[in-house]
Amino acid sequence: MSTDSEEQQTSFKSQKEFYTEYITKHEGWIFAGIYADEGLSGTSMRKRKEFNRMIADAMDGKIDIIIVKSVSRFARNVVDILNIVEQLTLKGIPIIFENDHLNSMDDQAGTRMRLLMSAAVAEDFSQNLSDSVKWGKIRRIEQEKYPCVKTYGYRIKDHNYEIYEPEAQIVRFIYKTYLAGQSYGQICKMLMDREVLSPGGVKLWKTSTVSYILENEKYKGDLHLQKQTYSDLKYRKRIKNTEGKQYYVENHHQPIISKTDWNRVQKEREIRTSQRGYSPTGKAGYSSKYAFSNKLFCLGCGSKFRRHKYDTVQKTVYTWVCINHKRYKNCKQDAIKEEDLERTFIGVMRDIVTDKDGFINKVIANIEEVVKNRQSETSTEEIDAKIISIQNEMIGLVRDMTVANTAEISAKTQEMLGEIERLKHVKETTIAEGLALERDLSRMDNLREMLNSDELFDKFNADIFRRVVDKVLIDGKTATFVLCDAVRITRPIIGVENE
């Protein structure tokens, strides 16, 4: 049965009873069993476990005859039907389609033609039904009857999302921990160490699950509908909807994550994706295995630093070495001991603590001033309006084009296209700068929170370093700690001999 409605469930039960009685009472027949998939479409073989079991049993000699109500119940894909009929025919196993009065072993040419026609009709019916379902979904969306699907952190009540606090706390933890510098893998490990069950109800957390939660717009209260579609009727593979219309609904339900934090996470994801690791191709993923991973950069050549170690009589010493210096020998930057970097960062934090109120307030005031100035500039909405205006003007010029003014209008449209590209670039820059400022404010808020918590900075704390520092620029024996674009603190790297 292709649906699992109550009416068809009743029909399903009746059909099972009918065929059980029909076969057991047939003289000379031995009942091999009922093979039936409930609530599944016949357009694809992949999920039809019972159907596939039946074919396997037939090929293994456990079945001599297959009886089915109709061709459409057997399959709704022409290729599948013909292939399976061919396999079973070679084994001498007939398929009897009762409603269609067909026996696959009779008059091969005529039977195949009738089978082909019946299968084509069934396949066409399924395609039309699928198109009707799609149309119905889109129609409901356009009538603002938005669908709600099961989402971790929410429960569906009265056709809307309602926050489920036990899971919402985990979502907030994932966002906060990611912004603190942890990778997908580290977040998974932290959740499993805390014995938190995944959305699937199992102890194992996958990085793909964390990634999906971090990119899901539902957590900021919005809905993005028709993002995906199916590749085709047979394989039903979910793919990006690049051709059909998509719908975005803002402020649809109560958010778990603020829009600001959600946007910060997307910016952080973008930054990490753009960063390269240490593989020969330079395409290894973002890593935060160590506190200084993806944080140290050589001011001389721009390369990142990689962790190394060597053993002495007393202990193992960890160092960070410029990749360009280590691999290609064309950078003069010497290795830096990890403990020296840690010691230098502790000194920076102590300096900040000495004047924490003045330092933080001054930095945040500077950032907020930049934000204020940006707000007085052209907004993305105004840029979009200008682009639309230019496009409309171009349409008007093309309508008025004649043989006499073709060259003139062509030149004007080229000029307009150039202006549109410029505006698009301005828009992208505006958005990127806005997200960068939000990220800076987030780091300063984190720093203020830590300074107000009476945290002792007498030893190195990797979590604090990740939350506070964006990157460190190494220049010889000097380190510049970039807390954000507005805050750069340069200090000599403190070795044991300098203390």
Protein backbone atom coordinates (compact mmCIF):
# COMPACT_ATOMS: atom_id res chain seq x y z
CA MET A 1 0.00 0.00 0.00
CA SER A 2 1.45 3.40 -0.98
CA THR A 3 -0.14 5.33 1.91
CA ASP A 4 -0.73 4.49 5.54
CA SER A 5 -4.10 6.17 5.97
CA GLU A 6 -6.72 4.52 8.16
CA GLU A 7 -8.84 3.59 5.15
CA GLN A 8 -5.97 1.90 3.35
CA GLN A 9 -4.89 0.15 6.53
CA THR A 10 -8.33 -1.47 6.59
CA SER A 11 -7.96 -2.39 2.92
CA PHE A 12 -4.47 -3.75 3.62
CA LYS A 13 -5.82 -6.04 6.34
CA SER A 14 -8.63 -7.22 4.07
CA GLN A 15 -6.23 -7.97 1.21
CA LYS A 16 -3.97 -10.02 3.49
CA GLU A 17 -6.95 -12.03 4.74
CA PHE A 18 -8.26 -12.54 1.21
CA TYR A 19 -4.99 -13.80 -0.28
CA THR A 20 -4.18 -15.99 2.71
CA GLU A 21 -7.52 -17.74 2.36
CA TYR A 22 -7.35 -17.76 -1.47
CA ILE A 23 -3.98 -19.50 -1.57
CA THR A 24 -4.44 -21.93 1.33
CA LYS A 25 -7.72 -23.18 -0.17
CA HIS A 26 -6.27 -23.61 -3.68
CA GLU A 27 -5.73 -27.27 -4.38
CA GLY A 28 -2.11 -28.21 -4.95
CA TRP A 29 -0.71 -24.90 -3.66
CA ILE A 30 1.47 -24.46 -0.58
CA PHE A 31 1.20 -21.05 1.07
CA ALA A 32 4.68 -19.39 1.02
CA GLY A 33 3.55 -16.30 2.95
CA ILE A 34 2.45 -12.71 2.48
CA TYR A 35 5.11 -10.19 1.41
CA ALA A 36 3.79 -6.66 1.92
CA ASP A 37 5.19 -3.16 2.51
CA GLU A 38 2.85 -0.75 4.26
CA GLY A 39 2.85 2.97 3.55
CA LEU A 40 5.61 2.82 0.90
CA SER A 41 5.55 3.99 -2.70
CA GLY A 42 6.20 1.52 -5.49
CA THR A 43 8.30 4.03 -7.44
CA SER A 44 11.55 2.86 -5.84
CA MET A 45 12.85 -0.55 -4.73
CA ARG A 46 15.30 0.79 -2.14
CA LYS A 47 13.04 0.97 0.91
CA ARG A 48 10.70 -1.90 0.05
CA LYS A 49 12.21 -4.51 2.37
CA GLU A 50 9.42 -7.05 1.98
CA PHE A 51 9.39 -6.71 -1.80
CA ASN A 52 13.15 -7.24 -2.00
CA ARG A 53 12.88 -10.21 0.40
CA MET A 54 10.22 -11.74 -1.85
CA ILE A 55 12.42 -11.43 -4.96
CA ALA A 56 15.39 -12.89 -3.06
CA ASP A 57 13.30 -15.84 -1.83
CA ALA A 58 12.02 -16.44 -5.34
CA MET A 59 15.57 -16.43 -6.74
CA ASP A 60 16.57 -18.88 -3.96
CA GLY A 61 13.84 -21.29 -5.02
CA LYS A 62 11.53 -20.73 -2.03
CA ILE A 63 8.67 -19.45 -4.21
CA ASP A 64 7.21 -20.95 -7.41
CA ILE A 65 4.42 -18.44 -8.18
CA ILE A 66 3.89 -14.80 -7.21
CA ILE A 67 0.35 -13.45 -7.08
CA VAL A 68 -0.19 -9.68 -6.94
CA LYS A 69 -3.35 -7.61 -7.10
CA SER A 70 -2.21 -5.34 -9.95
CA VAL A 71 0.84 -4.03 -11.82
CA SER A 72 0.64 -0.75 -9.87
CA ARG A 73 0.87 -2.69 -6.58
CA PHE A 74 3.92 -4.59 -7.86
CA ALA A 75 5.92 -1.54 -8.95
CA ARG A 76 5.42 1.88 -10.52
CA ASN A 77 8.64 2.08 -12.43
CA VAL A 78 8.83 0.69 -15.97
CA VAL A 79 12.52 -0.24 -15.82
CA ASP A 80 12.19 -2.03 -12.47
CA ILE A 81 9.15 -4.05 -13.60
CA LEU A 82 10.76 -5.23 -16.83
CA ASN A 83 14.07 -6.12 -15.12
CA ILE A 84 12.38 -8.12 -12.35
CA VAL A 85 10.02 -9.88 -14.72
CA GLU A 86 13.03 -10.83 -16.86
CA GLN A 87 14.88 -12.28 -13.83
CA LEU A 88 11.89 -14.30 -12.66
CA THR A 89 11.03 -15.50 -16.16
CA LEU A 90 14.54 -16.96 -16.54
CA LYS A 91 13.93 -18.83 -13.27
CA GLY A 92 10.56 -20.07 -14.55
CA ILE A 93 8.59 -18.18 -11.91
CA PRO A 94 5.33 -16.60 -13.16
CA ILE A 95 3.86 -13.40 -11.75
CA ILE A 96 0.06 -13.32 -11.87
CA PHE A 97 -1.43 -9.78 -11.95
CA GLU A 98 -5.06 -10.46 -11.05
CA ASN A 99 -6.81 -7.18 -11.82
CA ASP A 100 -4.87 -6.83 -15.10
CA HIS A 101 -5.51 -10.49 -16.09
CA LEU A 102 -1.82 -10.95 -16.86
CA ASN A 103 0.53 -13.87 -16.38
CA SER A 104 4.16 -12.96 -17.03
CA MET A 105 4.86 -16.41 -18.55
CA ASP A 106 2.10 -16.19 -21.18
CA ASP A 107 2.72 -15.02 -24.78
CA GLN A 108 5.93 -13.17 -24.02
CA ALA A 109 5.66 -10.45 -26.71
CA GLY A 110 2.03 -9.52 -26.02
CA THR A 111 2.39 -9.81 -22.25
CA ARG A 112 5.48 -7.63 -22.19
CA MET A 113 3.68 -4.96 -24.19
CA ARG A 114 0.68 -4.95 -21.84
CA LEU A 115 2.99 -4.95 -18.81
CA LEU A 116 4.90 -2.03 -20.28
CA MET A 117 1.70 -0.05 -20.86
CA SER A 118 0.32 -0.79 -17.38
CA ALA A 119 3.63 0.12 -15.74
CA ALA A 120 3.85 3.35 -17.75
CA VAL A 121 0.34 4.33 -16.65
CA ALA A 122 1.21 3.55 -13.00
CA GLU A 123 4.48 5.53 -13.23
CA ASP A 124 2.71 8.48 -14.82
CA PHE A 125 0.06 8.39 -12.08
CA SER A 126 2.76 8.47 -9.39
CA GLN A 127 4.52 11.41 -11.07
CA ASN A 128 1.27 13.37 -11.32
CA LEU A 129 0.48 12.55 -7.68
CA SER A 130 3.95 13.70 -6.61
CA ASP A 131 3.55 16.96 -8.55
CA SER A 132 0.13 17.50 -6.95
CA VAL A 133 1.57 16.97 -3.46
CA LYS A 134 4.38 19.47 -4.19
CA TRP A 135 1.89 22.00 -5.52
CA GLY A 136 -0.28 21.53 -2.41
CA LYS A 137 2.68 22.14 -0.08
CA ILE A 138 3.68 25.32 -1.91
CA ARG A 139 0.08 26.52 -1.98
CA ARG A 140 -0.19 26.09 1.81
CA ILE A 141 3.07 28.01 2.29
CA GLU A 142 1.78 30.87 0.14
CA GLN A 143 -1.36 30.89 2.30
CA GLU A 144 0.95 31.25 5.34
CA LYS A 145 0.14 27.74 6.56
CA TYR A 146 3.72 26.86 7.32
CA PRO A 147 4.71 23.23 7.98
CA CYS A 148 6.46 22.33 11.24
CA VAL A 149 8.88 19.41 11.27
CA LYS A 150 10.44 17.70 14.26
CA THR A 151 13.39 19.82 15.44
CA TYR A 152 15.75 19.19 18.35
CA GLY A 153 15.13 21.80 21.06
CA TYR A 154 11.46 22.25 20.17
CA ARG A 155 8.17 20.46 20.48
CA ILE A 156 5.31 21.05 18.05
CA LYS A 157 2.15 22.39 19.69
CA ASP A 158 -0.87 23.84 17.89
CA HIS A 159 1.06 23.80 14.59
CA ASN A 160 3.91 25.89 15.98
CA TYR A 161 7.29 25.41 17.62
CA GLU A 162 7.44 25.52 21.40
CA ILE A 163 10.82 25.53 23.17
CA TYR A 164 11.64 22.29 25.00
CA GLU A 165 14.03 23.56 27.63
CA PRO A 166 16.06 20.36 28.38
CA GLU A 167 17.13 20.19 24.72
CA ALA A 168 17.27 23.97 24.25
CA GLN A 169 19.98 24.12 26.93
CA ILE A 170 22.09 21.72 24.84
CA VAL A 171 21.58 23.87 21.73
CA ARG A 172 22.75 26.95 23.66
CA PHE A 173 25.74 25.00 24.96
CA ILE A 174 26.73 24.01 21.41
CA TYR A 175 26.53 27.61 20.15
CA LYS A 176 28.40 29.04 23.14
CA THR A 177 31.11 26.38 23.03
CA TYR A 178 31.61 26.81 19.29
CA LEU A 179 32.02 30.57 19.68
CA ALA A 180 34.52 29.83 22.45
CA GLY A 181 36.74 28.17 19.84
CA GLN A 182 35.88 24.48 20.12
CA SER A 183 35.69 22.36 16.97
CA TYR A 184 32.81 20.08 15.97
CA GLY A 185 34.74 17.03 17.17
CA GLN A 186 35.55 18.57 20.54
CA ILE A 187 31.92 19.57 21.08
CA CYS A 188 30.83 16.01 20.29
CA LYS A 189 33.31 14.65 22.83
CA MET A 190 32.14 17.10 25.49
CA LEU A 191 28.52 16.11 24.96
CA MET A 192 29.32 12.40 25.07
CA ASP A 193 31.45 12.85 28.20
CA ARG A 194 28.39 14.47 29.79
CA GLU A 195 26.27 11.52 28.57
CA VAL A 196 23.92 13.81 26.64
CA LEU A 197 21.78 11.90 24.16
CA SER A 198 21.87 13.05 20.53
CA PRO A 199 18.73 14.12 18.61
CA GLY A 200 18.48 10.49 17.49
CA GLY A 201 18.30 9.35 21.12
CA VAL A 202 21.72 7.65 21.11
CA LYS A 203 24.91 8.38 23.04
CA LEU A 204 26.97 8.95 19.88
CA TRP A 205 27.17 12.54 18.63
CA LYS A 206 28.34 13.09 15.05
CA THR A 207 30.07 16.21 13.75
CA SER A 208 27.42 16.43 11.02
CA THR A 209 24.75 16.73 13.75
CA VAL A 210 26.59 19.60 15.44
CA SER A 211 27.12 21.29 12.08
CA TYR A 212 23.40 21.00 11.24
CA ILE A 213 22.40 22.53 14.59
CA LEU A 214 24.81 25.42 14.09
CA GLU A 215 23.48 26.27 10.64
CA ASN A 216 19.76 25.71 11.31
CA GLU A 217 17.88 29.02 11.03
CA LYS A 218 15.03 27.69 13.19
CA TYR A 219 17.12 28.32 16.30
CA LYS A 220 16.98 32.09 15.68
CA GLY A 221 13.20 31.91 15.20
CA ASP A 222 13.07 31.91 11.40
CA LEU A 223 11.88 29.39 8.79
CA HIS A 224 13.57 28.64 5.47
CA LEU A 225 11.20 26.53 3.41
CA GLN A 226 11.77 24.56 0.19
CA LYS A 227 15.56 24.61 0.69
CA GLN A 228 15.71 21.10 -0.69
CA THR A 229 13.85 19.00 -3.20
CA TYR A 230 14.00 15.45 -4.55
CA SER A 231 16.30 14.47 -7.41
CA ASP A 232 13.67 12.29 -9.10
CA LEU A 233 10.71 10.08 -8.37
CA LYS A 234 12.69 6.84 -8.38
CA TYR A 235 15.69 7.61 -6.15
CA ARG A 236 14.09 10.33 -4.02
CA LYS A 237 17.49 11.76 -3.06
CA ARG A 238 17.37 15.07 -1.21
CA ILE A 239 19.24 17.79 -3.12
CA LYS A 240 19.52 21.57 -2.96
CA ASN A 241 16.61 23.40 -4.56
CA THR A 242 18.46 25.53 -7.10
CA GLU A 243 15.64 26.01 -9.60
CA GLY A 244 12.39 26.11 -7.62
CA LYS A 245 11.15 28.96 -5.46
CA GLN A 246 12.22 29.12 -1.81
CA TYR A 247 10.47 30.89 1.06
CA TYR A 248 11.97 32.64 4.10
CA VAL A 249 9.81 33.56 7.10
CA GLU A 250 11.34 35.81 9.76
CA ASN A 251 10.30 35.75 13.43
CA HIS A 252 8.04 32.74 12.94
CA HIS A 253 8.49 31.34 16.44
CA GLN A 254 10.32 31.91 19.72
CA PRO A 255 14.10 31.65 19.21
CA ILE A 256 16.51 29.61 21.29
CA ILE A 257 19.52 31.58 20.01
CA SER A 258 19.62 35.34 19.46
CA LYS A 259 19.99 36.49 15.87
CA THR A 260 23.25 38.20 16.82
CA ASP A 261 24.81 35.00 18.15
CA TRP A 262 23.45 32.98 15.22
CA ASN A 263 25.06 35.43 12.78
CA ARG A 264 28.32 35.31 14.74
CA VAL A 265 28.38 31.55 14.44
CA GLN A 266 27.86 31.75 10.65
CA LYS A 267 30.74 34.22 10.41
CA GLU A 268 32.93 31.95 12.53
CA ARG A 269 32.01 28.98 10.34
CA GLU A 270 32.96 30.95 7.26
CA ILE A 271 36.32 31.93 8.78
CA ARG A 272 37.14 28.39 9.81
CA THR A 273 36.21 27.03 6.39
CA SER A 274 38.58 29.50 4.77
CA GLN A 275 41.44 28.46 7.03
CA ARG A 276 43.79 25.75 5.81
CA GLY A 277 45.55 23.05 7.74
CA TYR A 278 48.92 21.37 7.30
CA SER A 279 48.26 18.77 4.65
CA PRO A 280 50.37 18.76 1.43
CA THR A 281 47.36 20.16 -0.46
CA GLY A 282 46.76 22.82 2.18
CA LYS A 283 43.11 21.79 2.39
CA ALA A 284 42.94 20.13 5.79
CA GLY A 285 40.00 21.18 7.94
CA TYR A 286 39.92 23.63 10.82
CA SER A 287 41.53 22.26 13.99
CA SER A 288 41.47 23.45 17.59
CA LYS A 289 43.13 20.38 19.07
CA TYR A 290 45.61 22.62 20.89
CA ALA A 291 45.03 26.10 22.27
CA PHE A 292 47.33 27.68 19.66
CA SER A 293 46.04 25.65 16.68
CA ASN A 294 45.05 27.97 13.82
CA LYS A 295 45.89 30.95 16.02
CA LEU A 296 49.61 31.59 15.39
CA PHE A 297 50.75 33.40 12.23
CA CYS A 298 54.22 34.44 11.09
CA LEU A 299 54.35 38.18 10.52
CA GLY A 300 57.30 37.72 8.15
CA CYS A 301 55.83 35.29 5.60
CA GLY A 302 52.19 34.98 6.63
CA SER A 303 52.28 31.21 7.22
CA LYS A 304 50.72 29.44 10.17
CA PHE A 305 52.62 27.70 12.93
CA ARG A 306 52.59 23.96 13.61
CA ARG A 307 53.23 22.18 16.89
CA HIS A 308 56.38 20.09 17.35
CA LYS A 309 58.16 18.51 20.29
CA TYR A 310 61.58 17.33 21.42
CA ASP A 311 62.73 15.48 24.52
CA THR A 312 65.33 16.61 27.03
CA VAL A 313 66.65 14.79 30.08
CA GLN A 314 64.17 16.62 32.30
CA LYS A 315 61.03 16.79 30.16
CA THR A 316 59.32 16.96 26.78
CA VAL A 317 59.42 20.44 25.27
CA TYR A 318 56.67 21.59 22.88
CA THR A 319 57.39 24.27 20.31
CA TRP A 320 55.51 26.09 17.56
CA VAL A 321 57.29 26.43 14.23
CA CYS A 322 56.43 28.47 11.13
CA ILE A 323 55.42 25.97 8.41
CA ASN A 324 57.37 27.93 5.81
CA HIS A 325 60.51 27.80 7.98
CA LYS A 326 60.16 24.08 8.70
CA ARG A 327 59.17 22.82 5.26
CA TYR A 328 60.78 25.17 2.73
CA LYS A 329 63.60 26.68 4.82
CA ASN A 330 62.92 30.14 3.36
CA CYS A 331 61.67 31.89 6.51
CA LYS A 332 64.01 33.07 9.26
CA GLN A 333 61.44 32.88 12.06
CA ASP A 334 62.76 30.66 14.89
CA ALA A 335 60.65 28.18 16.81
CA ILE A 336 58.78 29.48 19.86
CA LYS A 337 58.35 27.40 23.01
CA GLU A 338 54.72 26.74 23.91
CA GLU A 339 55.31 27.49 27.59
CA ASP A 340 56.80 30.87 26.65
CA LEU A 341 53.69 31.76 24.65
CA GLU A 342 51.50 30.70 27.56
CA ARG A 343 53.58 32.77 29.98
CA THR A 344 53.33 35.82 27.69
CA PHE A 345 49.53 35.51 27.43
CA ILE A 346 49.24 35.32 31.23
CA GLY A 347 51.21 38.59 31.38
CA VAL A 348 48.84 40.22 28.88
CA MET A 349 45.82 39.19 30.92
CA ARG A 350 47.38 40.53 34.12
CA ASP A 351 47.98 43.88 32.40
CA ILE A 352 44.35 43.99 31.30
CA VAL A 353 43.12 43.12 34.82
CA THR A 354 45.08 46.05 36.24
CA ASP A 355 42.86 48.48 34.34
CA LYS A 356 39.99 46.19 33.37
CA ASP A 357 37.15 48.73 33.57
CA GLY A 358 38.95 51.45 31.65
CA PHE A 359 40.37 49.03 29.07
CA ILE A 360 37.15 47.18 28.25
CA ASN A 361 34.92 50.26 28.31
CA LYS A 362 37.28 52.13 26.00
CA VAL A 363 37.49 49.27 23.51
CA ILE A 364 33.74 48.65 23.44
CA ALA A 365 33.10 52.39 23.10
CA ASN A 366 35.42 52.45 20.08
CA ILE A 367 33.65 49.48 18.49
CA GLU A 368 30.22 50.93 19.18
CA GLU A 369 31.32 54.20 17.62
CA VAL A 370 32.30 52.32 14.47
CA VAL A 371 28.92 50.55 14.51
CA LYS A 372 27.16 53.90 14.91
CA ASN A 373 29.07 55.39 11.97
CA ARG A 374 28.27 52.37 9.82
CA GLN A 375 24.57 52.73 10.60
CA SER A 376 24.67 56.23 9.12
CA GLU A 377 26.09 54.79 5.90
CA THR A 378 24.14 53.12 3.12
CA SER A 379 22.27 50.03 4.34
CA THR A 380 22.00 46.74 2.44
CA GLU A 381 18.29 47.46 1.89
CA GLU A 382 19.16 50.79 0.22
CA ILE A 383 21.76 49.05 -1.94
CA ASP A 384 19.17 46.45 -3.03
CA ALA A 385 16.76 49.27 -3.89
CA LYS A 386 19.42 50.98 -6.03
CA ILE A 387 20.16 47.74 -7.88
CA ILE A 388 16.46 47.19 -8.63
CA SER A 389 16.14 50.80 -9.81
CA ILE A 390 19.06 50.39 -12.21
CA GLN A 391 17.65 47.09 -13.51
CA ASN A 392 14.27 48.72 -14.18
CA GLU A 393 16.00 51.59 -15.98
CA MET A 394 17.87 49.06 -18.14
CA ILE A 395 14.61 47.33 -19.06
CA GLY A 396 13.18 50.71 -20.12
CA LEU A 397 16.22 51.45 -22.29
CA VAL A 398 16.00 48.07 -24.03
CA ARG A 399 12.30 48.65 -24.80
CA ASP A 400 13.13 51.98 -26.42
CA MET A 401 16.01 50.54 -28.45
CA THR A 402 15.97 51.22 -32.19
CA VAL A 403 18.43 50.62 -34.99
CA ALA A 404 19.59 54.22 -34.69
CA ASN A 405 20.34 54.21 -30.96
CA THR A 406 21.57 50.61 -30.49
CA ALA A 407 25.21 51.58 -29.90
CA GLU A 408 24.31 54.32 -27.43
CA ILE A 409 21.95 52.12 -25.38
CA SER A 410 24.42 49.21 -25.45
CA ALA A 411 27.09 51.47 -23.95
CA LYS A 412 24.68 52.72 -21.27
CA THR A 413 23.59 49.20 -20.30
CA GLN A 414 27.22 48.10 -19.99
CA GLU A 415 27.85 51.06 -17.71
CA MET A 416 24.80 50.13 -15.63
CA LEU A 417 25.91 46.50 -15.37
CA GLY A 418 29.25 47.72 -14.06
CA GLU A 419 27.47 49.85 -11.44
CA ILE A 420 25.34 46.87 -10.38
CA GLU A 421 28.47 44.75 -9.89
CA ARG A 422 30.03 47.55 -7.84
CA LEU A 423 26.94 47.81 -5.64
CA LYS A 424 26.90 44.04 -5.12
CA HIS A 425 30.52 44.21 -3.97
CA VAL A 426 29.68 47.08 -1.60
CA LYS A 427 26.82 45.02 -0.19
CA GLU A 428 29.04 41.98 0.41
CA THR A 429 31.66 44.19 2.10
CA THR A 430 29.02 45.86 4.25
CA ILE A 431 27.64 42.53 5.44
CA ALA A 432 31.14 41.14 6.13
CA GLU A 433 32.17 44.24 8.09
CA GLY A 434 28.95 44.11 10.11
CA LEU A 435 29.51 40.48 11.06
CA ALA A 436 33.14 41.22 11.94
CA LEU A 437 32.04 44.01 14.29
CA GLU A 438 29.48 41.71 15.91
CA ARG A 439 32.24 39.15 16.39
CA ASP A 440 34.49 41.79 17.98
CA LEU A 441 31.73 42.80 20.39
CA SER A 442 31.20 39.15 21.24
CA ARG A 443 34.87 38.68 22.12
CA MET A 444 34.87 41.83 24.25
CA ASP A 445 31.71 40.69 26.03
CA ASN A 446 33.43 37.37 26.74
CA LEU A 447 36.46 39.22 28.09
CA ARG A 448 34.34 41.50 30.30
CA GLU A 449 32.45 38.46 31.63
CA MET A 450 35.70 36.70 32.53
CA LEU A 451 37.25 39.78 34.14
CA ASN A 452 34.14 40.30 36.28
CA SER A 453 34.17 36.66 37.43
CA ASP A 454 37.30 37.13 39.57
CA GLU A 455 39.14 34.62 37.39
CA LEU A 456 42.75 34.16 38.51
CA PHE A 457 45.24 34.51 35.67
CA ASP A 458 48.17 32.86 37.45
CA LYS A 459 48.24 29.92 35.01
CA PHE A 460 47.40 29.38 31.36
CA ASN A 461 43.78 28.48 30.56
CA ALA A 462 43.22 27.18 27.01
CA ASP A 463 39.47 27.92 27.03
CA ILE A 464 40.03 31.54 28.06
CA PHE A 465 42.69 31.94 25.36
CA ARG A 466 40.33 30.60 22.66
CA ARG A 467 37.48 32.84 23.78
CA VAL A 468 39.54 36.02 24.01
CA VAL A 469 42.19 35.83 21.28
CA ASP A 470 41.41 35.87 17.57
CA LYS A 471 45.02 35.30 16.46
CA VAL A 472 48.65 35.91 17.45
CA LEU A 473 51.19 37.45 15.08
CA ILE A 474 54.76 36.28 15.73
CA ASP A 475 57.67 38.53 14.77
CA GLY A 476 60.99 37.17 16.00
CA LYS A 477 60.76 37.22 19.80
CA THR A 478 57.67 39.46 19.82
CA ALA A 479 54.01 38.42 19.90
CA THR A 480 51.03 40.61 18.97
CA PHE A 481 47.81 39.28 20.51
CA VAL A 482 44.87 40.29 18.31
CA LEU A 483 41.82 40.22 20.56
CA CYS A 484 39.73 41.75 17.79
CA ASP A 485 40.27 44.19 14.95
CA ALA A 486 40.13 47.05 17.45
CA VAL A 487 42.50 45.55 20.04
CA ARG A 488 46.09 44.50 19.40
CA ILE A 489 48.50 44.05 22.29
CA THR A 490 52.20 43.55 21.48
CA ARG A 491 54.56 42.05 24.06
CA PRO A 492 58.05 40.48 24.09
CA ILE A 493 57.76 36.71 24.34
CA ILE A 494 58.59 35.86 27.95
CA GLY A 495 61.06 33.01 28.38
CA VAL A 496 62.15 31.51 31.68
CA GLU A 497 65.30 33.62 31.55
CA ASN A 498 63.26 36.84 31.18
CA GLU A 499 61.00 36.34 34.20
